[in-house]
Amino acid sequence: MKLPELVARLRGQGYELGPLLGQGASGKVFRARCERSSAEVAIKVIRGEGGGTDPEHRRILVANETTLSWKLFHPYLITVFETFADNEYDYVVMEYVDGGDLQPYSAPAARLPVEEVLEIARKCCIALGYASRCGVVHRDIKPANILRAARGEIRITDFGGAIFRNLDKSAIANFGSPAYMSPEQVRGDNLDSRSDMFSLGVVLFQLLTGTLPFDAPDSQAVSFKILYTDAPKIESLRSDLPEGLVSAVNRALAKLPSDRFAGWEAFGAALSPRKPVQPGETLGDVATEALRAMGVSLFEGLEQIELRRVAKAFRTWSAGDVTVFQPGQAEIAFVIDGRVDIATRDGGFCAGRGDLVWICGVQPQGALPGGFRPEGNARIGILSLLELCDNPDLLGKLMPRLASYLSTQARRGARSADGAAGLNESLAAARDQLIRVVGQIDECIKK
């Protein structure tokens, strides 16, 4: 299809085509603007017959992208807005990530700082751990499929070749990029999340050294090396890397899945420096004090082991931080100290200590764009529900408390003198969103 024809077809769907962002084996990705909302999006155009992708292959790629856009809901995974097709092409409309992918940083002269690679790796572990709990194996983790979003965030993209718990009979055989495949993927064995761990190990090796651990002139020679040749020890190429990072990368590149990490949480923990515990202080004491400092009754009455779980799943944001306040799609946020003035269409609302200001992708006060204005001393606690999804009992305790918080806040907002007339409706929408996210988490737990 010629470019003018593609422009006309996408305009008919309500999108104004922009520049080419990149291309792969199955198609091209363009930047575009949605005429309805004026939002910037990315559109993957997947070629049909005659373009290198047979119709069945193309059907599965698009079906996977569409299914996973509803099944996987995580701030570090790409959001798919819609898909559509014509006689020649399929189109996948996704969020636009302006930082580009990691491919340019896989060369020796363009390596990222070690701390940034570490942060990317930790977030990949969180996102892929969530996908694994949902029964999904990505099968194509590589630098080109990891995007750098704003404020140091990431997005993992291209789930077209993903499989579901080794039971997906529609999966495309021999899918993946040869240089990043695990030995079991090269052999065509059944795969689990440890295959993606190997691929992420290859990505980290390349980002840190500027070279691939298994490099050869052609894909057949690369596959032979992956199967029969040990990867070079990363410390032999870089002597300045932290010991924990060196150990984690070498372990991820083990030939046998059983010699890799037992799970993504263990992989992420190996990449995270541990804060030393003071003499006479237990981990439980640290967690309890951190939560008590929040001054939020949401956590009152939890058992010590539950407090430790919650402590691992939250972070704090301060108005003085450089990072913009933007929690994830499955997180809640509440005021710890100070106040936050929120401008709404119906007036305004002042959030104080203990008030919720974000619930699973929405601000319960229905803030206008730019209407979130924290005082200089404001601190906000952000709790990830995804990090708690392997503990349904704990989630079951927190959900009624969150609902109670919302109801109390709605009643107070309705009586407030500063005119938040639409607060009840906004809170009801936030409750619906919370129920939807927790429902998805619950489905993952049951599988």
Protein backbone atom coordinates (compact mmCIF):
# COMPACT_ATOMS: atom_id res chain seq x y z
CA MET A 1 0.00 0.00 0.00
CA LYS A 2 1.32 3.44 -0.90
CA LEU A 3 1.57 6.05 1.84
CA PRO A 4 -1.21 8.35 0.49
CA GLU A 5 -3.60 5.39 0.48
CA LEU A 6 -2.64 4.48 4.05
CA VAL A 7 -3.16 8.11 5.12
CA ALA A 8 -6.64 8.07 3.58
CA ARG A 9 -7.62 4.78 5.22
CA LEU A 10 -6.53 5.88 8.67
CA ARG A 11 -8.23 9.25 8.26
CA GLY A 12 -11.42 7.31 7.60
CA GLN A 13 -10.96 5.69 11.00
CA GLY A 14 -10.43 9.05 12.70
CA TYR A 15 -6.61 9.13 12.82
CA GLU A 16 -4.21 11.60 11.21
CA LEU A 17 -1.05 9.71 10.23
CA GLY A 18 2.29 11.03 11.43
CA PRO A 19 5.93 9.95 11.00
CA LEU A 20 7.22 6.38 10.96
CA LEU A 21 8.49 5.34 14.40
CA GLY A 22 9.93 1.95 13.52
CA GLN A 23 9.37 -1.33 11.72
CA GLY A 24 9.77 -5.03 12.32
CA ALA A 25 9.17 -8.35 10.65
CA SER A 26 5.39 -8.06 10.72
CA GLY A 27 4.80 -4.39 9.95
CA LYS A 28 5.45 -0.74 10.69
CA VAL A 29 4.60 1.55 13.61
CA PHE A 30 3.55 5.13 12.95
CA ARG A 31 2.89 8.06 15.19
CA ALA A 32 -0.63 9.42 14.71
CA ARG A 33 -3.16 11.81 16.22
CA CYS A 34 -6.66 10.79 17.23
CA GLU A 35 -9.02 13.38 15.74
CA ARG A 36 -11.67 12.74 18.42
CA SER A 37 -9.46 13.46 21.42
CA SER A 38 -6.38 15.13 19.84
CA ALA A 39 -4.28 12.57 21.75
CA GLU A 40 -1.03 11.25 20.28
CA VAL A 41 -1.10 7.48 19.63
CA ALA A 42 1.06 4.84 17.96
CA ILE A 43 -0.48 2.67 15.24
CA LYS A 44 1.03 -0.66 14.26
CA VAL A 45 0.19 -1.52 10.65
CA ILE A 46 0.49 -5.26 10.07
CA ARG A 47 0.96 -6.34 6.49
CA GLY A 48 -1.23 -8.98 4.89
CA GLU A 49 -0.56 -11.36 2.01
CA GLY A 50 2.39 -10.40 -0.14
CA GLY A 51 3.91 -8.41 2.71
CA GLY A 52 5.71 -11.18 4.53
CA THR A 53 2.94 -12.16 6.95
CA ASP A 54 0.54 -14.96 6.09
CA PRO A 55 -3.14 -14.39 6.99
CA GLU A 56 -3.17 -16.91 9.86
CA HIS A 57 0.00 -15.46 11.38
CA ARG A 58 -1.44 -11.97 11.03
CA ARG A 59 -4.76 -13.03 12.60
CA ILE A 60 -3.03 -14.48 15.66
CA LEU A 61 -0.80 -11.42 16.15
CA VAL A 62 -3.78 -9.07 16.18
CA ALA A 63 -5.97 -11.42 18.24
CA ASN A 64 -3.24 -11.68 20.88
CA GLU A 65 -2.72 -7.92 21.02
CA THR A 66 -6.48 -7.39 21.37
CA THR A 67 -7.03 -10.10 23.98
CA LEU A 68 -4.08 -9.06 26.10
CA SER A 69 -5.14 -5.41 26.05
CA TRP A 70 -8.11 -6.51 28.15
CA LYS A 71 -6.42 -9.29 30.09
CA LEU A 72 -3.26 -7.48 31.19
CA PHE A 73 -3.66 -4.20 33.05
CA HIS A 74 -0.38 -2.81 34.32
CA PRO A 75 1.37 0.58 34.22
CA TYR A 76 4.56 -0.97 32.79
CA LEU A 77 2.77 -2.74 29.91
CA ILE A 78 1.70 -0.93 26.76
CA THR A 79 -1.98 0.05 26.57
CA VAL A 80 -3.85 -1.01 23.42
CA PHE A 81 -6.83 1.25 22.68
CA GLU A 82 -8.42 -0.53 19.72
CA THR A 83 -7.81 -2.75 16.69
CA PHE A 84 -9.43 -2.76 13.26
CA ALA A 85 -8.76 -4.28 9.85
CA ASP A 86 -9.38 -3.98 6.12
CA ASN A 87 -8.75 -6.41 3.27
CA GLU A 88 -4.98 -5.90 3.27
CA TYR A 89 -3.91 -4.73 6.71
CA ASP A 90 -4.62 -4.99 10.40
CA TYR A 91 -4.17 -1.96 12.65
CA VAL A 92 -3.35 -1.89 16.35
CA VAL A 93 -3.79 1.50 18.06
CA MET A 94 -1.63 1.87 21.19
CA GLU A 95 -0.49 4.55 23.58
CA TYR A 96 2.34 6.67 22.22
CA VAL A 97 5.56 6.53 24.26
CA ASP A 98 7.84 9.43 23.36
CA GLY A 99 11.08 8.04 24.78
CA GLY A 100 11.57 5.44 22.04
CA ASP A 101 12.81 1.89 22.62
CA LEU A 102 16.07 0.59 24.07
CA GLN A 103 17.61 -0.57 20.79
CA PRO A 104 19.76 2.57 20.31
CA TYR A 105 21.35 1.94 23.73
CA SER A 106 22.56 -1.57 22.94
CA ALA A 107 25.76 -0.37 21.24
CA PRO A 108 29.05 0.16 23.15
CA ALA A 109 29.16 3.91 22.48
CA ALA A 110 25.57 4.55 23.63
CA ARG A 111 25.26 2.58 26.85
CA LEU A 112 22.89 3.87 29.52
CA PRO A 113 24.11 4.57 33.08
CA VAL A 114 24.19 1.43 35.20
CA GLU A 115 21.60 2.83 37.65
CA GLU A 116 19.14 3.42 34.81
CA VAL A 117 19.65 -0.11 33.49
CA LEU A 118 19.04 -1.42 37.00
CA GLU A 119 15.80 0.57 37.28
CA ILE A 120 14.64 -0.67 33.87
CA ALA A 121 15.44 -4.24 34.89
CA ARG A 122 13.52 -3.98 38.17
CA LYS A 123 10.46 -2.60 36.43
CA CYS A 124 10.65 -5.30 33.75
CA CYS A 125 10.66 -7.89 36.55
CA ILE A 126 7.56 -6.32 38.10
CA ALA A 127 5.69 -6.19 34.77
CA LEU A 128 6.71 -9.64 33.59
CA GLY A 129 5.97 -11.06 37.04
CA TYR A 130 2.44 -9.72 36.70
CA ALA A 131 2.13 -11.18 33.19
CA SER A 132 3.40 -14.52 34.49
CA ARG A 133 0.77 -14.55 37.25
CA CYS A 134 -1.78 -14.01 34.50
CA GLY A 135 -0.39 -17.10 32.74
CA VAL A 136 1.31 -15.17 29.93
CA VAL A 137 4.78 -15.77 28.45
CA HIS A 138 5.88 -12.89 26.21
CA ARG A 139 8.38 -14.84 24.02
CA ASP A 140 9.98 -11.78 22.43
CA ILE A 141 11.68 -9.72 25.13
CA LYS A 142 14.36 -7.61 23.42
CA PRO A 143 15.51 -3.95 23.49
CA ALA A 144 13.16 -2.97 20.66
CA ASN A 145 10.16 -4.15 22.71
CA ILE A 146 11.00 -2.16 25.86
CA LEU A 147 10.04 1.51 25.59
CA ARG A 148 11.31 4.41 27.73
CA ALA A 149 8.33 6.43 28.92
CA ALA A 150 8.43 9.81 30.64
CA ARG A 151 9.73 10.23 34.20
CA GLY A 152 11.85 7.07 34.09
CA GLU A 153 8.94 4.68 33.49
CA ILE A 154 8.93 1.84 30.96
CA ARG A 155 6.42 0.07 28.76
CA ILE A 156 6.83 -3.49 27.51
CA THR A 157 5.19 -3.82 24.12
CA ASP A 158 4.42 -6.33 21.34
CA PHE A 159 2.49 -9.17 22.97
CA GLY A 160 1.42 -10.45 19.54
CA GLY A 161 3.44 -13.64 19.91
CA ALA A 162 2.65 -14.28 23.58
CA ILE A 163 1.33 -17.62 24.76
CA PHE A 164 -0.96 -18.57 27.63
CA ARG A 165 0.36 -21.16 30.10
CA ASN A 166 1.63 -23.54 27.38
CA LEU A 167 -1.99 -24.35 26.51
CA ASP A 168 -2.50 -21.94 23.64
CA LYS A 169 -2.99 -24.06 20.53
CA SER A 170 -3.21 -20.97 18.32
CA ALA A 171 0.30 -19.78 19.19
CA ILE A 172 2.69 -19.05 16.37
CA ALA A 173 5.40 -21.71 16.26
CA ASN A 174 9.06 -20.65 16.43
CA PHE A 175 8.12 -17.09 17.35
CA GLY A 176 10.78 -14.75 18.72
CA SER A 177 14.03 -13.01 17.86
CA PRO A 178 16.90 -15.56 17.57
CA ALA A 179 19.55 -13.62 19.53
CA TYR A 180 17.25 -13.30 22.57
CA MET A 181 15.70 -16.79 22.63
CA SER A 182 16.19 -19.15 25.55
CA PRO A 183 17.60 -22.65 24.87
CA GLU A 184 14.18 -24.20 25.44
CA GLN A 185 12.63 -21.71 23.02
CA VAL A 186 15.21 -22.61 20.37
CA ARG A 187 14.37 -26.30 20.86
CA GLY A 188 10.62 -25.66 20.60
CA ASP A 189 9.91 -26.95 24.13
CA ASN A 190 6.97 -25.86 26.26
CA LEU A 191 7.77 -22.49 27.81
CA ASP A 192 7.15 -20.79 31.12
CA SER A 193 8.23 -17.45 32.57
CA ARG A 194 11.83 -18.60 32.97
CA SER A 195 12.21 -18.36 29.19
CA ASP A 196 11.43 -14.64 29.40
CA MET A 197 13.96 -14.41 32.25
CA PHE A 198 16.68 -15.70 29.93
CA SER A 199 15.66 -13.16 27.27
CA LEU A 200 15.76 -10.32 29.80
CA GLY A 201 19.20 -11.55 30.86
CA VAL A 202 20.36 -11.20 27.24
CA VAL A 203 18.89 -7.67 27.11
CA LEU A 204 20.69 -6.63 30.30
CA PHE A 205 23.97 -8.16 29.11
CA GLN A 206 23.69 -6.18 25.87
CA LEU A 207 22.70 -2.88 27.54
CA LEU A 208 25.58 -3.15 30.01
CA THR A 209 28.33 -4.31 27.64
CA GLY A 210 27.22 -3.20 24.19
CA THR A 211 27.52 -6.76 22.88
CA LEU A 212 25.31 -9.84 22.70
CA PRO A 213 26.25 -12.86 24.82
CA PHE A 214 25.54 -15.15 21.85
CA ASP A 215 26.68 -13.46 18.66
CA ALA A 216 27.26 -15.07 15.29
CA PRO A 217 26.96 -14.27 11.56
CA ASP A 218 23.58 -15.96 11.08
CA SER A 219 20.59 -17.12 13.12
CA GLN A 220 21.49 -20.81 12.84
CA ALA A 221 24.94 -20.19 14.33
CA VAL A 222 23.36 -18.01 17.05
CA SER A 223 20.97 -20.83 17.95
CA PHE A 224 23.87 -23.29 18.17
CA LYS A 225 25.70 -21.00 20.60
CA ILE A 226 22.58 -20.53 22.75
CA LEU A 227 22.18 -24.31 22.99
CA TYR A 228 25.77 -25.41 23.47
CA THR A 229 28.01 -22.48 24.45
CA ASP A 230 28.04 -20.77 27.83
CA ALA A 231 27.56 -17.02 27.84
CA PRO A 232 30.68 -15.02 28.73
CA LYS A 233 30.73 -13.91 32.34
CA ILE A 234 29.60 -10.31 32.28
CA GLU A 235 32.28 -9.28 34.79
CA SER A 236 34.94 -10.30 32.25
CA LEU A 237 33.70 -7.47 30.01
CA ARG A 238 32.88 -4.91 32.71
CA SER A 239 34.63 -4.88 36.06
CA ASP A 240 32.75 -1.87 37.45
CA LEU A 241 29.33 -3.50 37.84
CA PRO A 242 27.72 -4.10 41.26
CA GLU A 243 28.17 -7.65 42.50
CA GLY A 244 24.42 -8.25 42.78
CA LEU A 245 23.83 -7.18 39.19
CA VAL A 246 26.64 -9.41 37.92
CA SER A 247 25.25 -12.40 39.78
CA ALA A 248 21.68 -11.74 38.60
CA VAL A 249 22.61 -11.48 34.91
CA ASN A 250 24.81 -14.58 34.99
CA ARG A 251 22.09 -16.57 36.71
CA ALA A 252 19.39 -15.42 34.28
CA LEU A 253 21.54 -16.74 31.40
CA ALA A 254 21.77 -20.28 32.81
CA LYS A 255 21.10 -22.99 30.21
CA LEU A 256 18.69 -24.92 32.42
CA PRO A 257 15.47 -23.13 33.50
CA SER A 258 15.83 -24.74 36.93
CA ASP A 259 19.16 -22.92 37.40
CA ARG A 260 17.55 -19.51 36.87
CA PHE A 261 15.45 -17.64 39.41
CA ALA A 262 12.45 -19.38 40.95
CA GLY A 263 10.25 -16.40 40.10
CA TRP A 264 10.27 -12.78 38.97
CA GLU A 265 10.13 -11.50 42.54
CA ALA A 266 13.40 -13.29 43.28
CA PHE A 267 14.95 -11.86 40.10
CA GLY A 268 13.85 -8.33 41.04
CA ALA A 269 15.08 -8.75 44.61
CA ALA A 270 18.52 -9.75 43.33
CA LEU A 271 18.65 -6.43 41.45
CA SER A 272 17.50 -4.32 44.41
CA PRO A 273 19.93 -3.13 47.06
CA ARG A 274 18.72 -4.04 50.53
CA LYS A 275 18.55 -1.40 53.24
CA PRO A 276 20.55 -2.61 56.23
CA VAL A 277 18.56 -3.33 59.36
CA GLN A 278 19.73 -1.56 62.49
CA PRO A 279 20.94 -3.70 65.43
CA GLY A 280 18.02 -5.00 67.49
CA GLU A 281 15.52 -4.03 64.79
CA THR A 282 13.55 -6.68 62.89
CA LEU A 283 12.17 -6.36 59.39
CA GLY A 284 8.70 -6.39 60.95
CA ASP A 285 9.61 -3.39 63.13
CA VAL A 286 10.82 -1.44 60.08
CA ALA A 287 7.62 -2.14 58.17
CA THR A 288 5.38 -1.29 61.13
CA GLU A 289 7.12 2.03 61.77
CA ALA A 290 6.95 3.01 58.10
CA LEU A 291 3.23 2.34 57.96
CA ARG A 292 2.58 4.02 61.30
CA ALA A 293 4.30 7.13 59.97
CA MET A 294 1.66 7.33 57.27
CA GLY A 295 -1.04 7.91 59.86
CA VAL A 296 -3.60 6.10 57.71
CA SER A 297 -6.12 3.84 59.41
CA LEU A 298 -6.34 1.71 56.26
CA PHE A 299 -3.61 -0.51 57.72
CA GLU A 300 -4.76 -0.66 61.34
CA GLY A 301 -5.34 -4.16 62.65
CA LEU A 302 -3.26 -5.95 60.01
CA GLU A 303 -1.04 -8.76 61.19
CA GLN A 304 2.71 -8.25 61.28
CA ILE A 305 3.39 -10.39 58.21
CA GLU A 306 0.68 -8.49 56.32
CA LEU A 307 2.23 -5.17 57.30
CA ARG A 308 5.53 -6.37 55.86
CA ARG A 309 3.80 -7.25 52.58
CA VAL A 310 2.15 -3.83 52.41
CA ALA A 311 5.43 -2.09 53.20
CA LYS A 312 7.06 -3.76 50.18
CA ALA A 313 4.21 -2.60 47.94
CA PHE A 314 4.18 1.13 48.69
CA ARG A 315 6.31 4.12 47.91
CA THR A 316 6.04 7.79 48.79
CA TRP A 317 5.94 10.92 46.65
CA SER A 318 6.75 14.41 47.91
CA ALA A 319 5.80 17.73 46.35
CA GLY A 320 9.48 18.64 46.35
CA ASP A 321 10.41 15.63 44.22
CA VAL A 322 11.43 16.10 40.60
CA THR A 323 9.18 13.23 39.53
CA VAL A 324 5.67 14.27 38.51
CA PHE A 325 2.85 12.74 40.55
CA GLN A 326 1.50 9.92 38.38
CA PRO A 327 0.63 6.61 40.06
CA GLY A 328 -0.10 3.52 38.01
CA GLN A 329 -3.33 2.03 36.74
CA ALA A 330 -3.59 -0.43 39.64
CA GLU A 331 -2.41 1.77 42.48
CA ILE A 332 -4.07 3.85 45.17
CA ALA A 333 -2.65 7.08 46.60
CA PHE A 334 -3.51 9.00 49.76
CA VAL A 335 -2.24 12.08 51.57
CA ILE A 336 0.25 11.37 54.35
CA ASP A 337 1.20 14.96 55.26
CA GLY A 338 0.17 18.44 54.17
CA ARG A 339 -2.75 19.20 51.88
CA VAL A 340 -3.57 18.92 48.20
CA ASP A 341 -5.95 21.39 46.53
CA ILE A 342 -7.86 19.81 43.67
CA ALA A 343 -9.77 21.89 41.11
CA THR A 344 -12.88 20.20 39.67
CA ARG A 345 -15.50 21.22 37.15
CA ASP A 346 -17.92 21.84 39.99
CA GLY A 347 -15.63 23.80 42.26
CA GLY A 348 -12.79 22.45 44.33
CA PHE A 349 -11.78 20.07 47.08
CA CYS A 350 -9.03 20.13 49.69
CA ALA A 351 -7.55 16.70 50.40
CA GLY A 352 -5.90 16.34 53.79
CA ARG A 353 -4.20 13.64 55.84
CA GLY A 354 -5.66 10.21 55.03
CA ASP A 355 -7.70 11.35 52.00
CA LEU A 356 -7.54 9.32 48.80
CA VAL A 357 -6.34 11.27 45.76
CA TRP A 358 -5.91 8.46 43.21
CA ILE A 359 -7.60 5.10 42.73
CA CYS A 360 -6.63 2.71 39.94
CA GLY A 361 -6.15 5.21 37.16
CA VAL A 362 -8.53 8.00 38.20
CA GLN A 363 -8.61 10.85 40.69
CA PRO A 364 -11.73 10.38 42.78
CA GLN A 365 -12.27 14.12 42.96
CA GLY A 366 -12.52 14.33 39.17
CA ALA A 367 -9.65 16.80 38.90
CA LEU A 368 -9.31 19.00 35.87
CA PRO A 369 -6.06 18.75 33.86
CA GLY A 370 -3.50 20.60 35.95
CA GLY A 371 -5.97 20.79 38.82
CA PHE A 372 -3.87 18.72 41.24
CA ARG A 373 -1.96 21.27 43.34
CA PRO A 374 -0.06 19.94 46.39
CA GLU A 375 1.41 22.24 49.00
CA GLY A 376 5.20 22.33 49.15
CA ASN A 377 5.31 20.06 52.22
CA ALA A 378 2.75 17.54 50.94
CA ARG A 379 3.63 13.84 50.98
CA ILE A 380 1.60 11.12 49.31
CA GLY A 381 1.70 7.36 49.88
CA ILE A 382 1.21 5.15 46.81
CA LEU A 383 0.20 1.51 47.26
CA SER A 384 0.43 -1.00 44.40
CA LEU A 385 -2.41 -3.53 44.43
CA LEU A 386 -0.52 -5.58 41.85
CA GLU A 387 2.26 -6.19 44.35
CA LEU A 388 -0.34 -7.71 46.69
CA CYS A 389 -2.13 -9.87 44.14
CA ASP A 390 -0.54 -13.09 45.39
CA ASN A 391 -2.18 -12.53 48.79
CA PRO A 392 -5.97 -12.61 48.28
CA ASP A 393 -6.67 -12.60 52.03
CA LEU A 394 -4.81 -9.33 52.46
CA LEU A 395 -6.55 -7.78 49.46
CA GLY A 396 -9.85 -8.98 50.90
CA LYS A 397 -9.14 -7.05 54.09
CA LEU A 398 -8.12 -3.87 52.28
CA MET A 399 -10.99 -3.65 49.79
CA PRO A 400 -13.83 -2.99 52.30
CA ARG A 401 -11.63 -0.41 54.02
CA LEU A 402 -11.03 1.38 50.73
CA ALA A 403 -14.77 1.38 50.03
CA SER A 404 -15.38 2.86 53.49
CA TYR A 405 -12.75 5.54 52.83
CA LEU A 406 -14.47 6.48 49.58
CA SER A 407 -17.90 6.66 51.16
CA THR A 408 -16.70 8.80 54.07
CA GLN A 409 -14.84 11.11 51.72
CA ALA A 410 -17.89 11.43 49.48
CA ARG A 411 -20.13 12.41 52.40
CA ARG A 412 -17.64 14.99 53.62
CA GLY A 413 -17.17 16.37 50.12
CA ALA A 414 -20.92 16.71 49.63
CA ARG A 415 -21.15 18.82 52.82
CA SER A 416 -18.06 20.91 52.11
CA ALA A 417 -18.40 24.64 51.65
CA ASP A 418 -16.00 24.86 48.72
CA GLY A 419 -18.44 23.26 46.29
CA ALA A 420 -17.41 19.77 45.10
CA ALA A 421 -20.93 18.97 43.91
CA GLY A 422 -19.81 16.19 41.59
CA LEU A 423 -17.67 14.38 44.16
CA ASN A 424 -20.18 11.58 44.76
CA GLU A 425 -20.33 10.75 41.05
CA SER A 426 -16.55 10.87 40.73
CA LEU A 427 -16.12 8.57 43.71
CA ALA A 428 -18.67 6.15 42.32
CA ALA A 429 -16.69 5.98 39.07
CA ALA A 430 -13.51 5.39 41.06
CA ARG A 431 -15.19 2.57 42.99
CA ASP A 432 -16.25 0.95 39.69
CA GLN A 433 -12.67 1.20 38.42
CA LEU A 434 -11.33 -0.30 41.63
CA ILE A 435 -13.76 -3.22 41.40
CA ARG A 436 -12.73 -3.86 37.79
CA VAL A 437 -9.00 -3.91 38.58
CA VAL A 438 -9.40 -6.06 41.66
CA GLY A 439 -11.63 -8.40 39.67
CA GLN A 440 -8.86 -8.83 37.11
CA ILE A 441 -6.34 -9.46 39.90
CA ASP A 442 -8.69 -12.02 41.42
CA GLU A 443 -8.96 -13.85 38.07
CA CYS A 444 -5.16 -14.02 37.94
CA ILE A 445 -5.03 -15.47 41.45
CA LYS A 446 -7.52 -18.21 40.63
CA LYS A 447 -5.65 -19.44 37.55
